Full PDB file with SEQRES, HELIX, SHEET, SSBOND, CRYST1, ORIGX, SCALE, CONECT and MASTER records, all heavy atoms in Angstrom:
SEQRES   1 A   37  VAL GLU GLU VAL ILE LEU ALA CYS GLU ASP TRP SER ALA          
SEQRES   2 A   37  THR LYS ALA ARG ASP PHE GLU GLU GLU LEU MET LEU ARG          
SEQRES   3 A   37  PRO TYR GLU PHE ASP TYR GLN SER VAL HIS TYR                  
HELIX    1 AA1 GLU A    2  ALA A    7  1                                   6    
HELIX    2 AA2 PHE A   19  LEU A   25  1                                   7    
SHEET    1 AA1 2 ARG A  17  ASP A  18  0                                        
SHEET    2 AA1 2 VAL A  35  HIS A  36 -1                                        
CRYST1    1.000    1.000    1.000  90.00  90.00  90.00 P 1           1          
ORIGX1      1.000000  0.000000  0.000000        0.00000                         
ORIGX2      0.000000  1.000000  0.000000        0.00000                         
ORIGX3      0.000000  0.000000  1.000000        0.00000                         
SCALE1      1.000000  0.000000  0.000000        0.00000                         
SCALE2      0.000000  1.000000  0.000000        0.00000                         
SCALE3      0.000000  0.000000  1.000000        0.00000                         
ATOM      1  N   VAL A   1       0.874  -1.204   0.015  1.00  0.00           N  
ATOM      2  CA  VAL A   1      -0.013   0.004   0.003  1.00  0.00           C  
ATOM      3  C   VAL A   1       0.888   1.237  -0.002  1.00  0.00           C  
ATOM      4  O   VAL A   1       0.586   2.240  -0.681  1.00  0.00           O  
ATOM      5  CB  VAL A   1      -0.944  -0.017   1.207  1.00  0.00           C  
ATOM      6  CG1 VAL A   1      -1.795   1.249   1.245  1.00  0.00           C  
ATOM      7  CG2 VAL A   1      -1.858  -1.240   1.180  1.00  0.00           C  
ATOM      8  N   GLU A   2       1.984   1.187   0.706  1.00  0.00           N  
ATOM      9  CA  GLU A   2       2.869   2.345   0.713  1.00  0.00           C  
ATOM     10  C   GLU A   2       3.415   2.658  -0.670  1.00  0.00           C  
ATOM     11  O   GLU A   2       3.455   3.787  -1.121  1.00  0.00           O  
ATOM     12  CB  GLU A   2       4.065   2.061   1.660  1.00  0.00           C  
ATOM     13  CG  GLU A   2       3.731   2.202   3.140  1.00  0.00           C  
ATOM     14  CD  GLU A   2       5.000   2.267   3.969  1.00  0.00           C  
ATOM     15  OE1 GLU A   2       5.521   3.342   4.203  1.00  0.00           O  
ATOM     16  OE2 GLU A   2       5.497   1.170   4.373  1.00  0.00           O  
ATOM     17  N   GLU A   3       3.782   1.598  -1.377  1.00  0.00           N  
ATOM     18  CA  GLU A   3       4.311   1.775  -2.730  1.00  0.00           C  
ATOM     19  C   GLU A   3       3.259   2.389  -3.644  1.00  0.00           C  
ATOM     20  O   GLU A   3       3.567   3.271  -4.473  1.00  0.00           O  
ATOM     21  CB  GLU A   3       4.715   0.430  -3.337  1.00  0.00           C  
ATOM     22  CG  GLU A   3       6.007  -0.154  -2.664  1.00  0.00           C  
ATOM     23  CD  GLU A   3       6.227  -1.571  -3.080  1.00  0.00           C  
ATOM     24  OE1 GLU A   3       5.495  -2.093  -3.915  1.00  0.00           O  
ATOM     25  OE2 GLU A   3       7.163  -2.178  -2.459  1.00  0.00           O  
ATOM     26  N   VAL A   4       1.965   1.980  -3.478  1.00  0.00           N  
ATOM     27  CA  VAL A   4       0.900   2.565  -4.238  1.00  0.00           C  
ATOM     28  C   VAL A   4       0.715   4.052  -3.911  1.00  0.00           C  
ATOM     29  O   VAL A   4       0.520   4.908  -4.805  1.00  0.00           O  
ATOM     30  CB  VAL A   4      -0.384   1.791  -3.959  1.00  0.00           C  
ATOM     31  CG1 VAL A   4      -1.629   2.575  -4.367  1.00  0.00           C  
ATOM     32  CG2 VAL A   4      -0.377   0.478  -4.701  1.00  0.00           C  
ATOM     33  N   ILE A   5       0.774   4.379  -2.643  1.00  0.00           N  
ATOM     34  CA  ILE A   5       0.567   5.780  -2.199  1.00  0.00           C  
ATOM     35  C   ILE A   5       1.665   6.655  -2.761  1.00  0.00           C  
ATOM     36  O   ILE A   5       1.427   7.759  -3.281  1.00  0.00           O  
ATOM     37  CB  ILE A   5       0.504   5.891  -0.661  1.00  0.00           C  
ATOM     38  CG1 ILE A   5      -0.784   5.253  -0.143  1.00  0.00           C  
ATOM     39  CG2 ILE A   5       0.635   7.304  -0.197  1.00  0.00           C  
ATOM     40  CD1 ILE A   5      -0.820   5.135   1.371  1.00  0.00           C  
ATOM     41  N   LEU A   6       2.917   6.157  -2.669  1.00  0.00           N  
ATOM     42  CA  LEU A   6       4.004   6.975  -3.113  1.00  0.00           C  
ATOM     43  C   LEU A   6       4.100   7.153  -4.616  1.00  0.00           C  
ATOM     44  O   LEU A   6       4.649   8.111  -5.139  1.00  0.00           O  
ATOM     45  CB  LEU A   6       5.357   6.396  -2.595  1.00  0.00           C  
ATOM     46  CG  LEU A   6       5.497   6.438  -1.063  1.00  0.00           C  
ATOM     47  CD1 LEU A   6       6.724   5.612  -0.678  1.00  0.00           C  
ATOM     48  CD2 LEU A   6       5.665   7.860  -0.562  1.00  0.00           C  
ATOM     49  N   ALA A   7       3.501   6.171  -5.353  1.00  0.00           N  
ATOM     50  CA  ALA A   7       3.585   6.259  -6.801  1.00  0.00           C  
ATOM     51  C   ALA A   7       2.441   7.063  -7.424  1.00  0.00           C  
ATOM     52  O   ALA A   7       2.506   7.411  -8.612  1.00  0.00           O  
ATOM     53  CB  ALA A   7       3.500   4.800  -7.410  1.00  0.00           C  
ATOM     54  N   CYS A   8       1.416   7.367  -6.650  1.00  0.00           N  
ATOM     55  CA  CYS A   8       0.211   8.077  -7.258  1.00  0.00           C  
ATOM     56  C   CYS A   8       0.595   9.513  -7.616  1.00  0.00           C  
ATOM     57  O   CYS A   8       1.198  10.240  -6.803  1.00  0.00           O  
ATOM     58  CB  CYS A   8      -0.870   8.080  -6.277  1.00  0.00           C  
ATOM     59  SG  CYS A   8      -2.442   8.778  -6.943  1.00  0.00           S  
ATOM     60  N   GLU A   9       0.197   9.904  -8.810  1.00  0.00           N  
ATOM     61  CA  GLU A   9       0.534  11.249  -9.265  1.00  0.00           C  
ATOM     62  C   GLU A   9      -0.547  12.296  -8.963  1.00  0.00           C  
ATOM     63  O   GLU A   9      -0.360  13.466  -9.260  1.00  0.00           O  
ATOM     64  CB  GLU A   9       0.775  11.192 -10.814  1.00  0.00           C  
ATOM     65  CG  GLU A   9       1.947  10.313 -11.223  1.00  0.00           C  
ATOM     66  CD  GLU A   9       2.157  10.309 -12.720  1.00  0.00           C  
ATOM     67  OE1 GLU A   9       1.310  10.893 -13.443  1.00  0.00           O  
ATOM     68  OE2 GLU A   9       3.185   9.756 -13.171  1.00  0.00           O  
ATOM     69  N   ASP A  10      -1.611  11.851  -8.299  1.00  0.00           N  
ATOM     70  CA  ASP A  10      -2.689  12.775  -7.954  1.00  0.00           C  
ATOM     71  C   ASP A  10      -2.466  13.543  -6.645  1.00  0.00           C  
ATOM     72  O   ASP A  10      -3.235  14.421  -6.316  1.00  0.00           O  
ATOM     73  CB  ASP A  10      -4.027  12.053  -7.886  1.00  0.00           C  
ATOM     74  CG  ASP A  10      -4.433  11.451  -9.231  1.00  0.00           C  
ATOM     75  OD1 ASP A  10      -4.527  12.231 -10.154  1.00  0.00           O  
ATOM     76  OD2 ASP A  10      -4.676  10.228  -9.306  1.00  0.00           O  
ATOM     77  N   TRP A  11      -1.444  13.154  -5.940  1.00  0.00           N  
ATOM     78  CA  TRP A  11      -1.157  13.791  -4.655  1.00  0.00           C  
ATOM     79  C   TRP A  11       0.338  13.745  -4.332  1.00  0.00           C  
ATOM     80  O   TRP A  11       1.119  13.003  -4.944  1.00  0.00           O  
ATOM     81  CB  TRP A  11      -1.991  13.128  -3.542  1.00  0.00           C  
ATOM     82  CG  TRP A  11      -1.686  11.668  -3.371  1.00  0.00           C  
ATOM     83  CD1 TRP A  11      -0.542  11.009  -3.067  1.00  0.00           C  
ATOM     84  CD2 TRP A  11      -2.679  10.590  -3.525  1.00  0.00           C  
ATOM     85  NE1 TRP A  11      -0.705   9.646  -3.002  1.00  0.00           N  
ATOM     86  CE2 TRP A  11      -2.035   9.356  -3.253  1.00  0.00           C  
ATOM     87  CE3 TRP A  11      -4.057  10.592  -3.809  1.00  0.00           C  
ATOM     88  CZ2 TRP A  11      -2.735   8.160  -3.295  1.00  0.00           C  
ATOM     89  CZ3 TRP A  11      -4.753   9.365  -3.799  1.00  0.00           C  
ATOM     90  CH2 TRP A  11      -4.054   8.156  -3.573  1.00  0.00           C  
ATOM     91  N   SER A  12       0.697  14.546  -3.363  1.00  0.00           N  
ATOM     92  CA  SER A  12       2.059  14.467  -2.803  1.00  0.00           C  
ATOM     93  C   SER A  12       1.852  13.749  -1.424  1.00  0.00           C  
ATOM     94  O   SER A  12       0.856  13.945  -0.736  1.00  0.00           O  
ATOM     95  CB  SER A  12       2.637  15.839  -2.562  1.00  0.00           C  
ATOM     96  OG  SER A  12       1.818  16.626  -1.725  1.00  0.00           O  
ATOM     97  N   ALA A  13       2.782  12.897  -1.093  1.00  0.00           N  
ATOM     98  CA  ALA A  13       2.667  12.044   0.112  1.00  0.00           C  
ATOM     99  C   ALA A  13       3.831  12.258   1.049  1.00  0.00           C  
ATOM    100  O   ALA A  13       5.014  12.276   0.619  1.00  0.00           O  
ATOM    101  CB  ALA A  13       2.491  10.606  -0.260  1.00  0.00           C  
ATOM    102  N   THR A  14       3.542  12.331   2.335  1.00  0.00           N  
ATOM    103  CA  THR A  14       4.557  12.473   3.402  1.00  0.00           C  
ATOM    104  C   THR A  14       4.253  11.423   4.443  1.00  0.00           C  
ATOM    105  O   THR A  14       3.099  11.399   4.964  1.00  0.00           O  
ATOM    106  CB  THR A  14       4.597  13.844   3.968  1.00  0.00           C  
ATOM    107  OG1 THR A  14       4.756  14.841   2.934  1.00  0.00           O  
ATOM    108  CG2 THR A  14       5.730  13.983   4.992  1.00  0.00           C  
ATOM    109  N   LYS A  15       5.264  10.664   4.871  1.00  0.00           N  
ATOM    110  CA  LYS A  15       5.043   9.701   5.928  1.00  0.00           C  
ATOM    111  C   LYS A  15       4.976  10.440   7.284  1.00  0.00           C  
ATOM    112  O   LYS A  15       5.885  11.217   7.577  1.00  0.00           O  
ATOM    113  CB  LYS A  15       6.140   8.646   5.936  1.00  0.00           C  
ATOM    114  CG  LYS A  15       5.907   7.570   7.017  1.00  0.00           C  
ATOM    115  CD  LYS A  15       7.037   6.509   6.984  1.00  0.00           C  
ATOM    116  CE  LYS A  15       6.881   5.592   5.760  1.00  0.00           C  
ATOM    117  NZ  LYS A  15       7.835   4.447   5.852  1.00  0.00           N  
ATOM    118  N   ALA A  16       3.918  10.185   8.038  1.00  0.00           N  
ATOM    119  CA  ALA A  16       3.764  10.837   9.331  1.00  0.00           C  
ATOM    120  C   ALA A  16       4.057   9.884  10.488  1.00  0.00           C  
ATOM    121  O   ALA A  16       4.422  10.338  11.601  1.00  0.00           O  
ATOM    122  CB  ALA A  16       2.314  11.352   9.475  1.00  0.00           C  
ATOM    123  N   ARG A  17       4.005   8.575  10.229  1.00  0.00           N  
ATOM    124  CA  ARG A  17       4.272   7.642  11.312  1.00  0.00           C  
ATOM    125  C   ARG A  17       4.565   6.264  10.682  1.00  0.00           C  
ATOM    126  O   ARG A  17       3.896   5.793   9.759  1.00  0.00           O  
ATOM    127  CB  ARG A  17       3.079   7.514  12.286  1.00  0.00           C  
ATOM    128  CG  ARG A  17       3.323   6.551  13.440  1.00  0.00           C  
ATOM    129  CD  ARG A  17       2.252   6.661  14.507  1.00  0.00           C  
ATOM    130  NE  ARG A  17       2.623   5.885  15.657  1.00  0.00           N  
ATOM    131  CZ  ARG A  17       1.980   5.914  16.856  1.00  0.00           C  
ATOM    132  NH1 ARG A  17       0.924   6.715  17.001  1.00  0.00           N  
ATOM    133  NH2 ARG A  17       2.404   5.193  17.810  1.00  0.00           N  
ATOM    134  N   ASP A  18       5.540   5.543  11.268  1.00  0.00           N  
ATOM    135  CA  ASP A  18       5.921   4.229  10.805  1.00  0.00           C  
ATOM    136  C   ASP A  18       6.241   3.361  12.012  1.00  0.00           C  
ATOM    137  O   ASP A  18       7.230   3.587  12.678  1.00  0.00           O  
ATOM    138  CB  ASP A  18       7.095   4.268   9.839  1.00  0.00           C  
ATOM    139  CG  ASP A  18       7.412   2.924   9.183  1.00  0.00           C  
ATOM    140  OD1 ASP A  18       7.275   1.929   9.863  1.00  0.00           O  
ATOM    141  OD2 ASP A  18       7.826   2.920   8.007  1.00  0.00           O  
ATOM    142  N   PHE A  19       5.391   2.336  12.239  1.00  0.00           N  
ATOM    143  CA  PHE A  19       5.554   1.593  13.493  1.00  0.00           C  
ATOM    144  C   PHE A  19       6.849   0.762  13.444  1.00  0.00           C  
ATOM    145  O   PHE A  19       7.458   0.527  14.526  1.00  0.00           O  
ATOM    146  CB  PHE A  19       4.359   0.613  13.699  1.00  0.00           C  
ATOM    147  CG  PHE A  19       4.264  -0.559  12.742  1.00  0.00           C  
ATOM    148  CD1 PHE A  19       4.900  -1.726  13.001  1.00  0.00           C  
ATOM    149  CD2 PHE A  19       3.510  -0.434  11.587  1.00  0.00           C  
ATOM    150  CE1 PHE A  19       4.828  -2.802  12.111  1.00  0.00           C  
ATOM    151  CE2 PHE A  19       3.407  -1.528  10.720  1.00  0.00           C  
ATOM    152  CZ  PHE A  19       4.055  -2.663  10.986  1.00  0.00           C  
ATOM    153  N   GLU A  20       7.379   0.412  12.287  1.00  0.00           N  
ATOM    154  CA  GLU A  20       8.601  -0.381  12.269  1.00  0.00           C  
ATOM    155  C   GLU A  20       9.796   0.489  12.606  1.00  0.00           C  
ATOM    156  O   GLU A  20      10.714   0.057  13.314  1.00  0.00           O  
ATOM    157  CB  GLU A  20       8.827  -1.015  10.878  1.00  0.00           C  
ATOM    158  CG  GLU A  20       7.839  -2.155  10.624  1.00  0.00           C  
ATOM    159  CD  GLU A  20       8.228  -2.966   9.389  1.00  0.00           C  
ATOM    160  OE1 GLU A  20       8.946  -2.430   8.523  1.00  0.00           O  
ATOM    161  OE2 GLU A  20       7.713  -4.084   9.254  1.00  0.00           O  
ATOM    162  N   GLU A  21       9.769   1.731  12.211  1.00  0.00           N  
ATOM    163  CA  GLU A  21      10.814   2.666  12.595  1.00  0.00           C  
ATOM    164  C   GLU A  21      10.760   2.938  14.123  1.00  0.00           C  
ATOM    165  O   GLU A  21      11.786   3.041  14.801  1.00  0.00           O  
ATOM    166  CB  GLU A  21      10.651   3.974  11.842  1.00  0.00           C  
ATOM    167  CG  GLU A  21      10.933   3.841  10.333  1.00  0.00           C  
ATOM    168  CD  GLU A  21      10.733   5.135   9.592  1.00  0.00           C  
ATOM    169  OE1 GLU A  21      10.389   6.148  10.251  1.00  0.00           O  
ATOM    170  OE2 GLU A  21      10.917   5.146   8.333  1.00  0.00           O  
ATOM    171  N   GLU A  22       9.542   3.039  14.658  1.00  0.00           N  
ATOM    172  CA  GLU A  22       9.424   3.239  16.102  1.00  0.00           C  
ATOM    173  C   GLU A  22       9.901   2.025  16.901  1.00  0.00           C  
ATOM    174  O   GLU A  22      10.469   2.196  17.968  1.00  0.00           O  
ATOM    175  CB  GLU A  22       7.915   3.578  16.406  1.00  0.00           C  
ATOM    176  CG  GLU A  22       7.428   4.825  15.819  1.00  0.00           C  
ATOM    177  CD  GLU A  22       5.923   5.059  15.989  1.00  0.00           C  
ATOM    178  OE1 GLU A  22       5.296   4.174  16.571  1.00  0.00           O  
ATOM    179  OE2 GLU A  22       5.416   6.061  15.540  1.00  0.00           O  
ATOM    180  N   LEU A  23       9.689   0.860  16.352  1.00  0.00           N  
ATOM    181  CA  LEU A  23      10.216  -0.344  17.002  1.00  0.00           C  
ATOM    182  C   LEU A  23      11.706  -0.347  17.131  1.00  0.00           C  
ATOM    183  O   LEU A  23      12.322  -0.762  18.106  1.00  0.00           O  
ATOM    184  CB  LEU A  23       9.766  -1.631  16.267  1.00  0.00           C  
ATOM    185  CG  LEU A  23       8.244  -1.922  16.316  1.00  0.00           C  
ATOM    186  CD1 LEU A  23       7.949  -3.177  15.516  1.00  0.00           C  
ATOM    187  CD2 LEU A  23       7.765  -2.077  17.738  1.00  0.00           C  
ATOM    188  N   MET A  24      12.382   0.159  16.054  1.00  0.00           N  
ATOM    189  CA  MET A  24      13.820   0.243  16.067  1.00  0.00           C  
ATOM    190  C   MET A  24      14.316   1.252  17.090  1.00  0.00           C  
ATOM    191  O   MET A  24      15.341   1.053  17.706  1.00  0.00           O  
ATOM    192  CB  MET A  24      14.341   0.583  14.647  1.00  0.00           C  
ATOM    193  CG  MET A  24      14.069  -0.450  13.595  1.00  0.00           C  
ATOM    194  SD  MET A  24      14.850  -2.039  13.967  1.00  0.00           S  
ATOM    195  CE  MET A  24      13.443  -2.997  14.620  1.00  0.00           C  
ATOM    196  N   LEU A  25      13.580   2.336  17.262  1.00  0.00           N  
ATOM    197  CA  LEU A  25      13.953   3.338  18.167  1.00  0.00           C  
ATOM    198  C   LEU A  25      13.654   2.964  19.633  1.00  0.00           C  
ATOM    199  O   LEU A  25      14.425   3.292  20.532  1.00  0.00           O  
ATOM    200  CB  LEU A  25      13.242   4.657  17.884  1.00  0.00           C  
ATOM    201  CG  LEU A  25      13.620   5.352  16.543  1.00  0.00           C  
ATOM    202  CD1 LEU A  25      12.696   6.522  16.267  1.00  0.00           C  
ATOM    203  CD2 LEU A  25      15.067   5.805  16.588  1.00  0.00           C  
ATOM    204  N   ARG A  26      12.578   2.223  19.821  1.00  0.00           N  
ATOM    205  CA  ARG A  26      12.179   1.797  21.207  1.00  0.00           C  
ATOM    206  C   ARG A  26      11.885   0.283  21.206  1.00  0.00           C  
ATOM    207  O   ARG A  26      10.694  -0.129  21.315  1.00  0.00           O  
ATOM    208  CB  ARG A  26      10.950   2.596  21.639  1.00  0.00           C  
ATOM    209  CG  ARG A  26      11.230   4.084  21.744  1.00  0.00           C  
ATOM    210  CD  ARG A  26      10.051   4.871  22.319  1.00  0.00           C  
ATOM    211  NE  ARG A  26       8.875   4.826  21.450  1.00  0.00           N  
ATOM    212  CZ  ARG A  26       8.662   5.646  20.397  1.00  0.00           C  
ATOM    213  NH1 ARG A  26       9.574   6.552  20.151  1.00  0.00           N  
ATOM    214  NH2 ARG A  26       7.594   5.564  19.624  1.00  0.00           N  
ATOM    215  N   PRO A  27      12.883  -0.541  21.078  1.00  0.00           N  
ATOM    216  CA  PRO A  27      12.682  -1.965  20.930  1.00  0.00           C  
ATOM    217  C   PRO A  27      12.036  -2.645  22.146  1.00  0.00           C  
ATOM    218  O   PRO A  27      11.543  -3.766  22.038  1.00  0.00           O  
ATOM    219  CB  PRO A  27      14.091  -2.493  20.666  1.00  0.00           C  
ATOM    220  CG  PRO A  27      14.999  -1.481  21.262  1.00  0.00           C  
ATOM    221  CD  PRO A  27      14.298  -0.167  21.040  1.00  0.00           C  
ATOM    222  N   TYR A  28      12.080  -2.030  23.323  1.00  0.00           N  
ATOM    223  CA  TYR A  28      11.575  -2.657  24.513  1.00  0.00           C  
ATOM    224  C   TYR A  28      10.101  -2.237  24.816  1.00  0.00           C  
ATOM    225  O   TYR A  28       9.550  -2.640  25.816  1.00  0.00           O  
ATOM    226  CB  TYR A  28      12.468  -2.372  25.735  1.00  0.00           C  
ATOM    227  CG  TYR A  28      13.832  -2.967  25.572  1.00  0.00           C  
ATOM    228  CD1 TYR A  28      14.935  -2.115  25.311  1.00  0.00           C  
ATOM    229  CD2 TYR A  28      14.058  -4.328  25.647  1.00  0.00           C  
ATOM    230  CE1 TYR A  28      16.214  -2.653  25.157  1.00  0.00           C  
ATOM    231  CE2 TYR A  28      15.338  -4.856  25.506  1.00  0.00           C  
ATOM    232  CZ  TYR A  28      16.419  -4.022  25.270  1.00  0.00           C  
ATOM    233  OH  TYR A  28      17.654  -4.535  25.100  1.00  0.00           O  
ATOM    234  N   GLU A  29       9.538  -1.377  23.971  1.00  0.00           N  
ATOM    235  CA  GLU A  29       8.201  -0.881  24.214  1.00  0.00           C  
ATOM    236  C   GLU A  29       7.198  -1.585  23.294  1.00  0.00           C  
ATOM    237  O   GLU A  29       7.546  -1.940  22.137  1.00  0.00           O  
ATOM    238  CB  GLU A  29       8.129   0.632  23.977  1.00  0.00           C  
ATOM    239  CG  GLU A  29       8.879   1.449  24.997  1.00  0.00           C  
ATOM    240  CD  GLU A  29       8.678   2.956  24.781  1.00  0.00           C  
ATOM    241  OE1 GLU A  29       7.758   3.337  24.056  1.00  0.00           O  
ATOM    242  OE2 GLU A  29       9.488   3.697  25.353  1.00  0.00           O  
ATOM    243  N   PHE A  30       6.011  -1.791  23.778  1.00  0.00           N  
ATOM    244  CA  PHE A  30       4.922  -2.381  22.989  1.00  0.00           C  
ATOM    245  C   PHE A  30       3.738  -1.399  23.080  1.00  0.00           C  
ATOM    246  O   PHE A  30       3.104  -1.269  24.128  1.00  0.00           O  
ATOM    247  CB  PHE A  30       4.525  -3.771  23.517  1.00  0.00           C  
ATOM    248  CG  PHE A  30       5.638  -4.750  23.373  1.00  0.00           C  
ATOM    249  CD1 PHE A  30       6.519  -4.965  24.414  1.00  0.00           C  
ATOM    250  CD2 PHE A  30       5.770  -5.491  22.198  1.00  0.00           C  
ATOM    251  CE1 PHE A  30       7.549  -5.900  24.280  1.00  0.00           C  
ATOM    252  CE2 PHE A  30       6.796  -6.383  22.059  1.00  0.00           C  
ATOM    253  CZ  PHE A  30       7.700  -6.591  23.097  1.00  0.00           C  
ATOM    254  N   ASP A  31       3.457  -0.765  21.963  1.00  0.00           N  
ATOM    255  CA  ASP A  31       2.451   0.270  21.952  1.00  0.00           C  
ATOM    256  C   ASP A  31       1.676   0.237  20.644  1.00  0.00           C  
ATOM    257  O   ASP A  31       1.944  -0.549  19.781  1.00  0.00           O  
ATOM    258  CB  ASP A  31       3.084   1.660  22.196  1.00  0.00           C  
ATOM    259  CG  ASP A  31       2.096   2.684  22.742  1.00  0.00           C  
ATOM    260  OD1 ASP A  31       0.875   2.435  22.775  1.00  0.00           O  
ATOM    261  OD2 ASP A  31       2.616   3.765  23.181  1.00  0.00           O  
ATOM    262  N   TYR A  32       0.767   1.177  20.492  1.00  0.00           N  
ATOM    263  CA  TYR A  32      -0.070   1.301  19.226  1.00  0.00           C  
ATOM    264  C   TYR A  32       0.804   1.318  18.003  1.00  0.00           C  
ATOM    265  O   TYR A  32       1.839   1.922  17.934  1.00  0.00           O  
ATOM    266  CB  TYR A  32      -0.866   2.607  19.333  1.00  0.00           C  
ATOM    267  CG  TYR A  32      -1.511   3.025  17.991  1.00  0.00           C  
ATOM    268  CD1 TYR A  32      -2.633   2.370  17.546  1.00  0.00           C  
ATOM    269  CD2 TYR A  32      -0.888   3.985  17.151  1.00  0.00           C  
ATOM    270  CE1 TYR A  32      -3.224   2.741  16.310  1.00  0.00           C  
ATOM    271  CE2 TYR A  32      -1.450   4.356  15.996  1.00  0.00           C  
ATOM    272  CZ  TYR A  32      -2.620   3.742  15.530  1.00  0.00           C  
ATOM    273  OH  TYR A  32      -3.192   4.071  14.348  1.00  0.00           O  
ATOM    274  N   GLN A  33       0.430   0.471  17.040  1.00  0.00           N  
ATOM    275  CA  GLN A  33       1.204   0.367  15.812  1.00  0.00           C  
ATOM    276  C   GLN A  33       0.350   0.677  14.583  1.00  0.00           C  
ATOM    277  O   GLN A  33      -0.767   0.219  14.467  1.00  0.00           O  
ATOM    278  CB  GLN A  33       1.755  -1.080  15.649  1.00  0.00           C  
ATOM    279  CG  GLN A  33       2.762  -1.437  16.717  1.00  0.00           C  
ATOM    280  CD  GLN A  33       3.326  -2.852  16.518  1.00  0.00           C  
ATOM    281  OE1 GLN A  33       2.851  -3.589  15.669  1.00  0.00           O  
ATOM    282  NE2 GLN A  33       4.302  -3.225  17.313  1.00  0.00           N  
ATOM    283  N   SER A  34       0.931   1.505  13.678  1.00  0.00           N  
ATOM    284  CA  SER A  34       0.238   1.797  12.422  1.00  0.00           C  
ATOM    285  C   SER A  34       1.218   2.584  11.572  1.00  0.00           C  
ATOM    286  O   SER A  34       2.237   3.128  12.072  1.00  0.00           O  
ATOM    287  CB  SER A  34      -1.029   2.661  12.743  1.00  0.00           C  
ATOM    288  OG  SER A  34      -1.773   2.866  11.518  1.00  0.00           O  
ATOM    289  N   VAL A  35       0.972   2.646  10.282  1.00  0.00           N  
ATOM    290  CA  VAL A  35       1.696   3.492   9.387  1.00  0.00           C  
ATOM    291  C   VAL A  35       0.744   4.608   8.923  1.00  0.00           C  
ATOM    292  O   VAL A  35      -0.363   4.308   8.467  1.00  0.00           O  
ATOM    293  CB  VAL A  35       2.236   2.741   8.178  1.00  0.00           C  
ATOM    294  CG1 VAL A  35       2.852   3.680   7.121  1.00  0.00           C  
ATOM    295  CG2 VAL A  35       3.321   1.752   8.641  1.00  0.00           C  
ATOM    296  N   HIS A  36       1.166   5.870   9.042  1.00  0.00           N  
ATOM    297  CA  HIS A  36       0.337   6.997   8.674  1.00  0.00           C  
ATOM    298  C   HIS A  36       1.043   7.784   7.542  1.00  0.00           C  
ATOM    299  O   HIS A  36       2.252   8.013   7.613  1.00  0.00           O  
ATOM    300  CB  HIS A  36       0.093   7.942   9.870  1.00  0.00           C  
ATOM    301  CG  HIS A  36      -0.725   7.326  10.937  1.00  0.00           C  
ATOM    302  ND1 HIS A  36      -1.138   8.046  12.068  1.00  0.00           N  
ATOM    303  CD2 HIS A  36      -1.195   6.043  11.097  1.00  0.00           C  
ATOM    304  CE1 HIS A  36      -1.844   7.240  12.857  1.00  0.00           C  
ATOM    305  NE2 HIS A  36      -1.861   6.019  12.304  1.00  0.00           N  
ATOM    306  N   TYR A  37       0.241   8.182   6.562  1.00  0.00           N  
ATOM    307  CA  TYR A  37       0.719   9.118   5.517  1.00  0.00           C  
ATOM    308  C   TYR A  37      -0.225  10.289   5.451  1.00  0.00           C  
ATOM    309  O   TYR A  37      -1.443  10.133   5.721  1.00  0.00           O  
ATOM    310  CB  TYR A  37       0.748   8.404   4.173  1.00  0.00           C  
ATOM    311  CG  TYR A  37       1.994   7.631   3.899  1.00  0.00           C  
ATOM    312  CD1 TYR A  37       2.120   6.310   4.282  1.00  0.00           C  
ATOM    313  CD2 TYR A  37       3.060   8.211   3.194  1.00  0.00           C  
ATOM    314  CE1 TYR A  37       3.255   5.598   4.033  1.00  0.00           C  
ATOM    315  CE2 TYR A  37       4.215   7.498   2.917  1.00  0.00           C  
ATOM    316  CZ  TYR A  37       4.312   6.185   3.366  1.00  0.00           C  
ATOM    317  OH  TYR A  37       5.455   5.473   3.130  1.00  0.00           O  
TER     318      TYR A  37                                                      
MASTER        0    0    0    2    2    0    0    6  317    1    0    3          
END                                                                             
């Protein structure tokens, strides 16, 4: 879905949240997970 969002020419897209990046920053925490654009 991310690839589809980034490839669409009808809009500009900016990632606002990425749970996998958050896991790398805080590997010992378990919290709400989602990817937001």
